[in-house]
Amino acid sequence: MILNVENLSHGFGDRAIFNNVSFRLLKGEHIGLIGANGEGKSTFMNIVTGKLMPDTGKIEWAKNIHIGYLDQHTVLEKGMTIKDVLSSAFSYLFDMETNMNEICDKMGEASEDELNKMMDELAVIQDTLTIHDFYVIDAKVEEVARALGLLDLGLDQDVSELSGGHRTKVLLGKLLLEKPDILLLDEPTNYLDEVHITWLKRYLIDYENAFILISHDIPFLNSVINIIYHMENQSFNRYVGDYEKFEDVHAVRKSQQESAYIRQQQEIKGLENFVARNKARASTRNMAMSRQKKLDKMDVLELTKDKPKPEFNFLTARAAGKVIFETKDLVIGYDEPLSKPLNLSMERGERIALIGSNGIGKTTLLKSILGLIKPISGTAELGDYLYLGYFEQESKSTDNTTCIEEIWKEFPSYSQYQVRAALAKCGLTTMHIESMVRVLSGGEQAKVRLCKLINRESNLLVLDEPTNHLDQDAKAELKRALIAYKGSILLICHEPEFYEDIVTKVYDCSEWSTRI
C-alpha cells in the first residue's frame, strides 16, 4: 500500500469538510477524486502532502516515496525564469554540488584521516550526481520545455508574466523532471490548450506509477483513471472503474438507499403509532414498551443531502448599437507584438469564441478591445450603448471579505436577504456564503464572481475561460444560461463541447499570432 488514510476528520471553523473518512492508494492505481465544488478535494490533497494538519486521523505513506504535487494554487515568484523553475526540480542535486564544493574548500587544511573521509564522501556525491544526469540537466530541461511548448517563449522569461496556461505548463514540466513515484494532480487541465491536454492524456495513460487526479473535465478524467473516489457530504466512497461505471453504480446505490430509507420511515411511523395508542393501557403497556425499545435501538438512516444546484439567469440590458467593437490595424502586446495588424469587428447578436494555444494573446486581445491595456499600435473602438459583463480568467482575492460583503460591495442597495438569495442561486450553501472568499475552492470563487455577473444587466458578455474550476452541474447550467442569453458573447474557451453549441463564429487566434 502506497498511502493509507484512516479516520480522517477536518473542518474550517463550524464548517466540517471530512467526517471519519478512510482512503487507500495501491500500486498502479490511477485514481480520480471527484465531487462538487467545495467538497474538499484540494483540502484532502493538502492534508496528505502535509501542507495542512487534519483535526484527527492517521496518514501513512510507504517509506522512501517521492511525491510530486501539482497544486492549482501554487504561486510562482516574480524574478524567477522558466529555466529557474524547471531546474528547481533538481534542487537536491544542486545542494549536493554545493556540499561537494564546500568539502573541496576544506581539503587544504584537513588532516590525513579527515582527508580520506572527505575523499570517500566526494566519491559518493560524484557518483550520485552522475547517476542522476546532473551534468546534462540543461539538456533535460530543454527537452521538457520543448515538449510543453515553452521553448518558444524563451527560458529566460519571467514566470510572473506568463499566462495561466503557461504557468500550469511550467509547474507540470517541473513535476515531470522530478520523476516522482506518485503524482498528485489538482485540476491540471485548467488553462491548458487542447494540444497539451491531449499530450498530458497520453502521458497519464502510459504512466506506470500511481496517481491521484482532481478534474472536472470528464472526458479527460474518464480516459486516464481506473478507480473513482467520490467525495460527498463529508465522506468518501470508492468505485472500481471509470467515470461512466461510477455513474451507473452510484445511481443504483442512491436508489437502494432511498428505498431503504422509505421502508424504515414507514416502520418507524407504525411503531410510533402503536406506542402512542397502547402505552397507557395496562393490558398492552408491555408490548408498547417493547416497541419503544426497538425504536430507541434503531440506527436511523439518513438520505444523502443533494447539493444545491446553481441557477444562472443573465439579466439583459437594452439593445446595444449595431457594432459591438471594431479594430483597425490593431497590434496587441506588451514589450513585443503578439499579433499581426488585426482588422476585426463584431456586430450585435454575434457570439464569438476565441481559441488557440496558450500564450498567443487571447486574453491580451480581450483586454485591448475593452481598453484595459494599450495596444502597441492601431486602435480598438467599442460600440454605443454597451452594458458589459466581464468575467476575468483569474481572480486575486487576498483580503478578508466574506461572500456576503463581496456581493454587497457590488450591490449596496440589496438587503441581506437578497444577497443571500443571489449567492444561494449560484449553488452556494449557507456555510459558503458566510465564509471568506479567499478560503473557498476555485469553483466556489468562480460562482461568487458569476453571481456578480448575473445580477447586473448586460448586453455583452466577455468571458475568459469561465469553465475553469466549475463542477459538472455548474458547467452544464452555465452553458444552458449562455444559450438562453439574448445579448452578444465574446468567449475564450479550450473546451469545444462547451462552446460549440453557444457561439456563431470561432476565431482561431493562431492564424494571426506572432508566437506561432
Protein backbone atom coordinates (compact mmCIF):
# COMPACT_ATOMS: atom_id res chain seq x y z
CA MET A 1 0.00 0.00 0.00
CA ILE A 2 1.38 3.40 -1.00
CA LEU A 3 -0.95 5.65 1.02
CA ASN A 4 -3.31 4.75 3.84
CA VAL A 5 -5.67 7.28 5.44
CA GLU A 6 -7.81 6.24 8.41
CA ASN A 7 -10.50 8.05 10.45
CA LEU A 8 -9.73 11.45 8.92
CA SER A 9 -11.81 14.38 10.15
CA HIS A 10 -11.22 18.02 9.30
CA GLY A 11 -13.07 21.32 9.18
CA PHE A 12 -12.70 25.10 9.00
CA GLY A 13 -14.43 26.81 11.93
CA ASP A 14 -18.00 25.48 12.09
CA ARG A 15 -17.76 24.02 8.60
CA ALA A 16 -16.97 20.27 8.58
CA ILE A 17 -15.15 19.04 5.45
CA PHE A 18 -14.47 15.37 6.34
CA ASN A 19 -16.01 13.19 9.00
CA ASN A 20 -14.14 9.99 9.87
CA VAL A 21 -13.18 9.10 6.28
CA SER A 22 -10.76 6.43 5.04
CA PHE A 23 -8.78 6.22 1.79
CA ARG A 24 -6.14 3.97 0.27
CA LEU A 25 -3.85 4.19 -2.74
CA LEU A 26 -2.39 0.97 -4.10
CA LYS A 27 0.45 0.38 -6.57
CA GLY A 28 -0.53 1.17 -10.17
CA GLU A 29 -3.88 2.75 -9.28
CA HIS A 30 -4.95 5.77 -11.32
CA ILE A 31 -7.46 7.46 -9.03
CA GLY A 32 -9.95 10.15 -9.99
CA LEU A 33 -11.01 12.28 -7.00
CA ILE A 34 -14.42 13.72 -7.82
CA GLY A 35 -17.17 15.73 -6.13
CA ALA A 36 -18.93 19.06 -6.33
CA ASN A 37 -17.13 22.36 -5.73
CA GLY A 38 -16.35 22.82 -2.04
CA GLU A 39 -16.46 19.14 -1.05
CA GLY A 40 -12.79 19.33 -0.01
CA LYS A 41 -10.81 17.73 -2.86
CA SER A 42 -7.94 20.25 -2.74
CA THR A 43 -8.08 20.25 1.09
CA PHE A 44 -7.59 16.47 1.03
CA MET A 45 -4.53 16.84 -1.24
CA ASN A 46 -3.07 19.47 1.11
CA ILE A 47 -3.62 17.18 4.11
CA VAL A 48 -1.96 14.08 2.61
CA THR A 49 1.03 16.19 1.44
CA GLY A 50 1.45 17.72 4.90
CA LYS A 51 0.51 21.27 3.92
CA LEU A 52 -2.48 21.08 6.28
CA MET A 53 -2.80 19.25 9.59
CA PRO A 54 -6.06 17.31 9.99
CA ASP A 55 -8.16 17.66 13.14
CA THR A 56 -7.97 13.88 13.69
CA GLY A 57 -6.88 10.84 11.72
CA LYS A 58 -3.87 8.82 10.59
CA ILE A 59 -1.98 9.39 7.30
CA GLU A 60 0.69 6.84 6.38
CA TRP A 61 2.86 6.88 3.27
CA ALA A 62 5.05 3.96 2.25
CA LYS A 63 8.72 4.50 3.10
CA ASN A 64 11.03 6.34 0.68
CA ILE A 65 8.19 7.53 -1.55
CA HIS A 66 8.90 10.65 -3.62
CA ILE A 67 5.65 12.62 -4.08
CA GLY A 68 5.07 15.14 -6.89
CA TYR A 69 2.18 17.57 -6.32
CA LEU A 70 0.69 19.90 -8.96
CA ASP A 71 -1.30 22.40 -6.89
CA GLN A 72 -3.92 24.65 -8.56
CA HIS A 73 -2.98 27.48 -6.14
CA THR A 74 0.83 27.38 -6.46
CA VAL A 75 2.30 30.88 -6.82
CA LEU A 76 5.38 31.40 -8.99
CA GLU A 77 7.68 34.09 -7.63
CA LYS A 78 8.46 37.25 -9.57
CA GLY A 79 12.08 37.32 -10.71
CA MET A 80 12.29 33.55 -11.39
CA THR A 81 12.69 32.48 -15.01
CA ILE A 82 11.13 29.44 -16.68
CA LYS A 83 14.57 27.81 -16.57
CA ASP A 84 14.91 28.57 -12.83
CA VAL A 85 11.61 26.87 -12.02
CA LEU A 86 12.26 23.83 -14.24
CA SER A 87 15.80 23.47 -12.88
CA SER A 88 14.49 23.63 -9.29
CA ALA A 89 13.28 20.05 -9.90
CA PHE A 90 16.94 19.14 -9.33
CA SER A 91 17.45 21.35 -6.25
CA TYR A 92 18.59 18.39 -4.16
CA LEU A 93 21.37 17.73 -6.70
CA PHE A 94 22.44 21.39 -6.66
CA ASP A 95 22.56 21.16 -2.85
CA MET A 96 24.87 18.15 -3.23
CA GLU A 97 27.11 20.12 -5.60
CA THR A 98 27.30 22.98 -3.07
CA ASN A 99 28.23 20.48 -0.37
CA MET A 100 30.88 18.98 -2.67
CA ASN A 101 32.42 22.42 -3.30
CA GLU A 102 32.47 23.16 0.44
CA ILE A 103 34.28 19.87 1.08
CA CYS A 104 36.83 20.73 -1.61
CA ASP A 105 37.45 24.16 0.02
CA LYS A 106 38.21 22.47 3.37
CA MET A 107 40.61 19.89 1.96
CA GLY A 108 43.68 22.15 2.11
CA GLU A 109 43.50 22.38 5.91
CA ALA A 110 42.42 18.78 6.62
CA SER A 111 44.46 16.09 8.40
CA GLU A 112 45.22 12.81 6.63
CA ASP A 113 42.30 10.97 8.33
CA GLU A 114 39.92 13.85 7.59
CA LEU A 115 41.14 13.94 4.00
CA ASN A 116 40.41 10.23 3.49
CA LYS A 117 36.87 10.69 4.85
CA MET A 118 36.38 13.70 2.59
CA MET A 119 37.58 11.76 -0.44
CA ASP A 120 35.11 8.94 0.33
CA GLU A 121 32.25 11.45 0.74
CA LEU A 122 33.20 13.21 -2.50
CA ALA A 123 33.18 9.89 -4.37
CA VAL A 124 29.64 9.10 -3.13
CA ILE A 125 28.37 12.59 -4.10
CA GLN A 126 30.10 12.40 -7.50
CA ASP A 127 28.51 9.00 -8.22
CA THR A 128 25.05 10.26 -7.19
CA LEU A 129 25.38 13.34 -9.43
CA THR A 130 26.47 11.21 -12.37
CA ILE A 131 23.70 8.59 -11.90
CA HIS A 132 21.06 11.34 -11.81
CA ASP A 133 22.37 13.02 -15.01
CA PHE A 134 23.38 16.18 -13.15
CA TYR A 135 25.78 17.22 -15.87
CA VAL A 136 23.12 17.15 -18.59
CA ILE A 137 20.40 18.97 -16.64
CA ASP A 138 20.25 21.82 -19.16
CA ALA A 139 19.53 19.36 -21.98
CA LYS A 140 16.79 17.64 -19.94
CA VAL A 141 15.18 20.98 -19.06
CA GLU A 142 15.25 21.99 -22.73
CA GLU A 143 13.70 18.66 -23.78
CA VAL A 144 10.70 19.03 -21.42
CA ALA A 145 10.30 22.72 -22.27
CA ARG A 146 10.12 21.80 -25.97
CA ALA A 147 7.50 19.08 -25.34
CA LEU A 148 5.29 21.55 -23.45
CA GLY A 149 5.67 24.38 -25.96
CA LEU A 150 7.66 26.59 -23.57
CA LEU A 151 10.85 26.84 -25.61
CA ASP A 152 9.36 29.44 -27.98
CA LEU A 153 8.78 31.80 -25.04
CA GLY A 154 12.45 31.78 -24.13
CA LEU A 155 13.70 30.05 -21.00
CA ASP A 156 14.75 33.44 -19.56
CA GLN A 157 11.10 34.66 -19.46
CA ASP A 158 9.96 35.84 -16.00
CA VAL A 159 7.33 33.34 -14.79
CA SER A 160 5.23 36.06 -13.13
CA GLU A 161 4.46 37.46 -16.59
CA LEU A 162 3.16 34.18 -18.04
CA SER A 163 -0.44 33.38 -18.95
CA GLY A 164 -2.38 30.93 -16.78
CA GLY A 165 -1.80 28.13 -19.28
CA HIS A 166 1.93 28.66 -19.48
CA ARG A 167 2.22 28.80 -15.69
CA THR A 168 0.45 25.42 -15.49
CA LYS A 169 2.86 24.03 -18.10
CA VAL A 170 5.91 25.27 -16.16
CA LEU A 171 4.68 23.59 -12.96
CA LEU A 172 3.84 20.43 -14.89
CA GLY A 173 7.27 20.44 -16.52
CA LYS A 174 8.98 20.75 -13.11
CA LEU A 175 6.93 17.82 -11.86
CA LEU A 176 7.86 15.61 -14.82
CA LEU A 177 11.55 16.44 -14.42
CA GLU A 178 11.38 15.41 -10.75
CA LYS A 179 10.17 11.93 -11.85
CA PRO A 180 8.21 11.32 -8.63
CA ASP A 181 6.97 7.88 -7.55
CA ILE A 182 3.46 9.27 -7.08
CA LEU A 183 1.73 12.10 -8.94
CA LEU A 184 -0.92 14.25 -7.24
CA LEU A 185 -2.60 16.45 -9.84
CA ASP A 186 -5.12 19.14 -8.87
CA GLU A 187 -7.05 20.26 -11.98
CA PRO A 188 -4.04 20.03 -14.35
CA THR A 189 -6.12 20.81 -17.48
CA ASN A 190 -7.23 24.25 -16.24
CA TYR A 191 -5.80 26.85 -18.66
CA LEU A 192 -4.19 24.16 -20.86
CA ASP A 193 -4.93 24.25 -24.58
CA GLU A 194 -6.30 21.24 -26.46
CA VAL A 195 -2.91 20.15 -27.87
CA HIS A 196 -1.32 19.87 -24.44
CA ILE A 197 -4.40 18.33 -22.81
CA THR A 198 -4.04 15.56 -25.43
CA TRP A 199 -0.31 15.30 -24.66
CA LEU A 200 -0.98 15.05 -20.90
CA LYS A 201 -3.69 12.46 -21.52
CA ARG A 202 -1.23 10.23 -23.41
CA TYR A 203 1.40 10.71 -20.69
CA LEU A 204 -1.01 9.65 -17.90
CA ILE A 205 -2.40 6.68 -19.84
CA ASP A 206 1.16 5.33 -20.17
CA TYR A 207 2.18 6.32 -16.60
CA GLU A 208 3.34 3.17 -14.78
CA ASN A 209 3.19 4.52 -11.23
CA ALA A 210 0.12 5.53 -9.22
CA PHE A 211 -1.51 8.95 -9.35
CA ILE A 212 -4.43 10.86 -7.82
CA LEU A 213 -6.19 13.26 -10.19
CA ILE A 214 -8.72 16.00 -9.45
CA SER A 215 -10.52 17.15 -12.60
CA HIS A 216 -13.91 18.45 -13.70
CA ASP A 217 -13.02 17.66 -17.33
CA ILE A 218 -14.96 14.38 -17.50
CA PRO A 219 -13.79 13.17 -20.98
CA PHE A 220 -10.17 13.72 -19.86
CA LEU A 221 -10.74 12.08 -16.46
CA ASN A 222 -12.58 9.13 -17.98
CA SER A 223 -9.74 8.31 -20.35
CA VAL A 224 -6.94 8.06 -17.75
CA ILE A 225 -8.32 6.67 -14.44
CA ASN A 226 -9.31 3.19 -13.23
CA ILE A 227 -10.58 4.00 -9.70
CA ILE A 228 -13.02 6.70 -8.55
CA TYR A 229 -13.24 8.20 -5.08
CA HIS A 230 -16.46 10.22 -4.80
CA MET A 231 -16.49 12.93 -2.13
CA GLU A 232 -19.97 13.81 -0.90
CA ASN A 233 -21.39 15.05 2.41
CA GLN A 234 -18.10 14.74 4.34
CA SER A 235 -17.49 11.12 3.27
CA PHE A 236 -15.59 9.09 0.63
CA ASN A 237 -16.93 6.25 -1.49
CA ARG A 238 -14.65 4.05 -3.60
CA TYR A 239 -15.74 2.77 -7.04
CA VAL A 240 -13.72 0.47 -9.32
CA GLY A 241 -13.76 1.51 -12.97
CA ASP A 242 -14.01 4.75 -14.93
CA TYR A 243 -16.42 7.68 -14.51
CA GLU A 244 -19.17 6.12 -16.62
CA LYS A 245 -19.07 2.97 -14.48
CA PHE A 246 -19.20 5.16 -11.35
CA GLU A 247 -22.31 6.97 -12.60
CA ASP A 248 -24.14 3.67 -13.14
CA VAL A 249 -23.18 2.16 -9.76
CA HIS A 250 -23.77 5.44 -7.89
CA ALA A 251 -27.28 5.74 -9.35
CA VAL A 252 -28.11 2.16 -8.22
CA ARG A 253 -26.64 2.78 -4.75
CA LYS A 254 -28.61 6.01 -4.36
CA SER A 255 -31.84 4.28 -5.40
CA GLN A 256 -31.22 1.47 -2.88
CA GLN A 257 -30.56 4.00 -0.11
CA GLU A 258 -33.79 5.85 -0.90
CA SER A 259 -35.81 2.59 -0.87
CA ALA A 260 -34.27 1.51 2.46
CA TYR A 261 -34.97 4.97 3.93
CA ILE A 262 -38.63 4.90 2.84
CA ARG A 263 -39.12 1.37 4.27
CA GLN A 264 -37.55 2.35 7.58
CA GLN A 265 -39.60 5.56 7.85
CA GLN A 266 -42.78 3.51 7.32
CA GLU A 267 -41.66 1.07 10.04
CA ILE A 268 -40.83 3.93 12.45
CA LYS A 269 -44.21 5.54 11.85
CA GLY A 270 -46.00 2.22 12.52
CA LEU A 271 -44.06 1.61 15.75
CA GLU A 272 -44.63 5.18 16.97
CA ASN A 273 -48.38 4.90 16.29
CA PHE A 274 -48.56 1.58 18.19
CA VAL A 275 -46.68 3.04 21.19
CA ALA A 276 -48.87 6.17 21.26
CA ARG A 277 -52.08 4.08 21.19
CA ASN A 278 -51.08 1.39 23.67
CA LYS A 279 -48.66 2.77 26.29
CA ALA A 280 -51.45 3.96 28.61
CA ARG A 281 -53.45 0.70 28.58
CA ALA A 282 -52.36 -1.83 31.22
CA SER A 283 -53.02 -4.88 29.02
CA THR A 284 -50.82 -3.61 26.14
CA ARG A 285 -48.25 -1.50 28.05
CA ASN A 286 -45.54 -4.20 27.89
CA MET A 287 -45.96 -4.58 24.11
CA ALA A 288 -45.75 -0.79 23.73
CA MET A 289 -42.55 -0.66 25.84
CA SER A 290 -41.05 -3.45 23.74
CA ARG A 291 -41.69 -1.49 20.55
CA GLN A 292 -40.32 1.70 22.15
CA LYS A 293 -37.08 -0.17 22.97
CA LYS A 294 -36.86 -1.26 19.34
CA LEU A 295 -37.30 2.39 18.28
CA ASP A 296 -34.62 3.55 20.73
CA LYS A 297 -32.10 0.99 19.44
CA MET A 298 -32.82 1.60 15.76
CA ASP A 299 -29.97 3.04 13.67
CA VAL A 300 -31.96 5.68 11.79
CA LEU A 301 -30.97 6.05 8.15
CA GLU A 302 -30.47 9.49 6.62
CA LEU A 303 -30.83 10.39 2.98
CA THR A 304 -27.79 11.94 1.30
CA LYS A 305 -28.46 15.64 1.03
CA ASP A 306 -28.44 16.81 -2.56
CA LYS A 307 -26.14 19.75 -3.15
CA PRO A 308 -27.96 22.92 -4.21
CA LYS A 309 -27.85 23.14 -8.00
CA PRO A 310 -26.87 26.54 -9.41
CA GLU A 311 -29.22 28.69 -11.48
CA PHE A 312 -27.56 31.21 -13.79
CA ASN A 313 -30.01 33.56 -15.47
CA PHE A 314 -28.34 36.58 -17.06
CA LEU A 315 -30.24 39.87 -16.98
CA THR A 316 -30.37 41.51 -20.42
CA ALA A 317 -29.99 45.27 -20.81
CA ARG A 318 -31.44 47.39 -23.63
CA ALA A 319 -30.12 46.57 -27.11
CA ALA A 320 -26.59 47.63 -27.99
CA GLY A 321 -25.70 49.56 -31.15
CA LYS A 322 -25.21 47.62 -34.38
CA VAL A 323 -21.41 47.42 -33.95
CA ILE A 324 -20.07 45.87 -30.73
CA PHE A 325 -16.41 46.60 -31.45
CA GLU A 326 -14.11 47.33 -34.38
CA THR A 327 -10.32 47.21 -34.62
CA LYS A 328 -8.13 48.97 -37.19
CA ASP A 329 -4.62 47.60 -37.73
CA LEU A 330 -4.57 46.64 -34.05
CA VAL A 331 -1.27 45.15 -32.86
CA ILE A 332 -1.52 43.76 -29.35
CA GLY A 333 1.27 43.03 -26.89
CA TYR A 334 3.33 44.41 -24.06
CA ASP A 335 7.04 44.84 -24.80
CA GLU A 336 6.82 42.88 -28.07
CA PRO A 337 4.00 42.43 -30.60
CA LEU A 338 1.83 39.35 -30.05
CA SER A 339 -0.14 39.77 -33.27
CA LYS A 340 -0.10 40.89 -36.84
CA PRO A 341 -2.22 44.03 -37.54
CA LEU A 342 -5.83 42.99 -36.82
CA ASN A 343 -8.93 44.32 -38.53
CA LEU A 344 -11.75 42.62 -36.66
CA SER A 345 -15.33 43.57 -35.98
CA MET A 346 -18.30 42.18 -34.09
CA GLU A 347 -21.96 43.01 -34.62
CA ARG A 348 -24.88 42.92 -32.23
CA GLY A 349 -26.19 39.38 -31.68
CA GLU A 350 -22.95 37.64 -32.68
CA ARG A 351 -21.36 35.07 -30.38
CA ILE A 352 -17.66 34.54 -30.96
CA ALA A 353 -15.24 32.00 -29.43
CA LEU A 354 -11.52 32.79 -29.42
CA ILE A 355 -9.47 29.59 -29.47
CA GLY A 356 -5.80 28.68 -29.85
CA SER A 357 -2.84 27.53 -27.79
CA ASN A 358 -1.67 29.17 -24.56
CA GLY A 359 0.25 32.42 -24.60
CA ILE A 360 -0.62 33.58 -28.13
CA GLY A 361 -2.53 36.63 -26.86
CA LYS A 362 -6.22 35.70 -26.47
CA THR A 363 -6.59 37.40 -23.07
CA THR A 364 -4.42 40.31 -24.24
CA LEU A 365 -6.77 40.78 -27.21
CA LEU A 366 -9.83 40.88 -24.93
CA LYS A 367 -8.19 43.45 -22.65
CA SER A 368 -7.05 45.54 -25.62
CA ILE A 369 -10.58 45.58 -27.10
CA LEU A 370 -12.02 46.60 -23.71
CA GLY A 371 -9.42 49.37 -23.34
CA LEU A 372 -7.89 47.83 -20.22
CA ILE A 373 -4.40 47.77 -21.77
CA LYS A 374 -2.86 49.91 -24.51
CA PRO A 375 -2.10 48.29 -27.86
CA ILE A 376 1.34 48.54 -29.40
CA SER A 377 -0.25 50.24 -32.40
CA GLY A 378 -3.61 50.63 -34.14
CA THR A 379 -6.99 51.18 -32.49
CA ALA A 380 -9.88 49.30 -30.92
CA GLU A 381 -13.23 51.04 -30.59
CA LEU A 382 -16.25 49.84 -28.65
CA GLY A 383 -19.74 50.47 -30.00
CA ASP A 384 -22.57 52.50 -28.46
CA TYR A 385 -24.95 51.60 -25.64
CA LEU A 386 -22.84 48.72 -24.34
CA TYR A 387 -23.61 47.24 -20.94
CA LEU A 388 -20.62 45.00 -20.29
CA GLY A 389 -20.34 41.86 -18.16
CA TYR A 390 -16.68 40.80 -17.89
CA PHE A 391 -15.50 37.51 -16.36
CA GLU A 392 -11.72 37.54 -15.94
CA GLN A 393 -9.63 34.38 -16.19
CA GLU A 394 -8.25 34.76 -12.67
CA SER A 395 -9.39 36.48 -9.52
CA LYS A 396 -6.93 37.57 -6.86
CA SER A 397 -8.82 37.52 -3.56
CA THR A 398 -6.39 38.45 -0.80
CA ASP A 399 -8.48 40.41 1.70
CA ASN A 400 -10.77 39.01 4.38
CA THR A 401 -14.14 39.87 2.86
CA THR A 402 -16.92 37.30 3.14
CA CYS A 403 -19.07 36.27 0.17
CA ILE A 404 -21.89 38.45 1.55
CA GLU A 405 -19.60 41.50 1.77
CA GLU A 406 -18.23 40.83 -1.71
CA ILE A 407 -21.71 40.97 -3.27
CA TRP A 408 -22.82 43.89 -1.07
CA LYS A 409 -19.89 45.96 -2.43
CA GLU A 410 -21.29 45.46 -5.94
CA PHE A 411 -24.97 45.84 -4.99
CA PRO A 412 -25.16 48.15 -1.93
CA SER A 413 -28.95 48.59 -2.29
CA TYR A 414 -29.59 44.85 -1.75
CA SER A 415 -30.94 43.67 1.60
CA GLN A 416 -29.09 40.84 3.36
CA TYR A 417 -31.88 38.50 2.32
CA GLN A 418 -31.39 39.49 -1.37
CA VAL A 419 -27.61 38.98 -1.13
CA ARG A 420 -28.00 35.55 0.45
CA ALA A 421 -30.66 34.54 -2.09
CA ALA A 422 -28.43 35.65 -5.00
CA LEU A 423 -25.48 33.59 -3.73
CA ALA A 424 -27.70 30.58 -2.96
CA LYS A 425 -28.99 30.66 -6.56
CA CYS A 426 -25.39 30.19 -7.67
CA GLY A 427 -25.20 26.89 -5.77
CA LEU A 428 -23.51 28.14 -2.59
CA THR A 429 -24.60 26.84 0.82
CA THR A 430 -25.04 28.95 3.97
CA MET A 431 -21.60 27.83 5.18
CA HIS A 432 -20.00 29.03 1.93
CA ILE A 433 -21.95 32.29 1.91
CA GLU A 434 -20.70 33.23 5.38
CA SER A 435 -17.07 32.20 4.64
CA MET A 436 -14.28 34.50 3.48
CA VAL A 437 -13.92 34.39 -0.31
CA ARG A 438 -10.20 33.58 -0.16
CA VAL A 439 -10.75 30.29 1.74
CA LEU A 440 -13.22 28.95 -0.83
CA SER A 441 -12.27 26.47 -3.55
CA GLY A 442 -11.57 27.71 -7.07
CA GLY A 443 -15.04 26.58 -8.20
CA GLU A 444 -16.80 28.34 -5.32
CA GLN A 445 -14.89 31.56 -6.01
CA ALA A 446 -15.92 31.35 -9.67
CA LYS A 447 -19.57 31.06 -8.55
CA VAL A 448 -19.22 34.23 -6.44
CA ARG A 449 -17.85 36.07 -9.49
CA LEU A 450 -20.66 34.70 -11.67
CA CYS A 451 -23.14 35.92 -9.04
CA LYS A 452 -21.94 39.48 -9.68
CA LEU A 453 -22.30 38.96 -13.42
CA ILE A 454 -25.83 37.52 -13.50
CA ASN A 455 -27.28 40.19 -11.19
CA ARG A 456 -26.24 43.12 -13.37
CA GLU A 457 -27.93 43.90 -16.67
CA SER A 458 -25.70 43.42 -19.72
CA ASN A 459 -25.91 43.19 -23.47
CA LEU A 460 -22.31 41.99 -23.98
CA LEU A 461 -20.67 39.18 -22.04
CA VAL A 462 -16.88 38.91 -22.28
CA LEU A 463 -15.85 35.60 -20.70
CA ASP A 464 -12.23 34.48 -20.28
CA GLU A 465 -12.08 30.72 -19.51
CA PRO A 466 -15.32 30.72 -17.46
CA THR A 467 -15.44 26.92 -17.07
CA ASN A 468 -12.15 26.57 -15.18
CA HIS A 469 -12.76 25.08 -11.70
CA LEU A 470 -16.54 24.69 -12.23
CA ASP A 471 -18.05 21.30 -11.38
CA GLN A 472 -20.26 19.40 -13.85
CA ASP A 473 -23.59 20.82 -12.62
CA ALA A 474 -22.34 24.41 -12.72
CA LYS A 475 -20.75 23.96 -16.14
CA ALA A 476 -23.94 22.49 -17.62
CA GLU A 477 -26.07 25.26 -16.10
CA LEU A 478 -23.71 27.98 -17.36
CA LYS A 479 -23.90 26.51 -20.87
CA ARG A 480 -27.72 26.49 -20.71
CA ALA A 481 -27.79 30.10 -19.46
CA LEU A 482 -25.44 31.33 -22.20
CA ILE A 483 -27.50 29.63 -24.92
CA ALA A 484 -30.60 31.39 -23.50
CA TYR A 485 -28.85 34.80 -23.16
CA LYS A 486 -30.23 37.46 -25.53
CA GLY A 487 -27.07 39.58 -25.81
CA SER A 488 -23.72 39.20 -27.59
CA ILE A 489 -20.93 36.95 -26.30
CA LEU A 490 -17.14 37.08 -26.73
CA LEU A 491 -15.64 33.95 -25.18
CA ILE A 492 -12.25 32.32 -24.63
CA CYS A 493 -12.52 28.58 -24.02
CA HIS A 494 -10.49 25.39 -24.59
CA GLU A 495 -13.49 23.03 -24.36
CA PRO A 496 -15.23 22.50 -27.72
CA GLU A 497 -18.03 20.50 -26.06
CA PHE A 498 -18.84 23.63 -24.03
CA TYR A 499 -18.64 26.44 -26.61
CA GLU A 500 -19.76 24.74 -29.85
CA ASP A 501 -23.49 24.98 -29.00
CA ILE A 502 -23.18 28.57 -27.77
CA VAL A 503 -21.26 30.50 -30.43
CA THR A 504 -21.97 31.51 -34.02
CA LYS A 505 -18.30 32.02 -35.00
CA VAL A 506 -14.94 30.60 -33.96
CA TYR A 507 -11.74 32.62 -34.42
CA ASP A 508 -8.51 30.60 -34.31
CA CYS A 509 -6.08 33.17 -32.89
CA SER A 510 -3.05 31.16 -34.03
CA GLU A 511 -3.77 32.48 -37.55
CA TRP A 512 -2.69 36.00 -36.59
CA SER A 513 -0.37 35.36 -33.65
CA THR A 514 3.36 36.13 -33.93
CA ARG A 515 4.02 33.37 -31.37
CA ILE A 516 3.31 30.53 -33.79
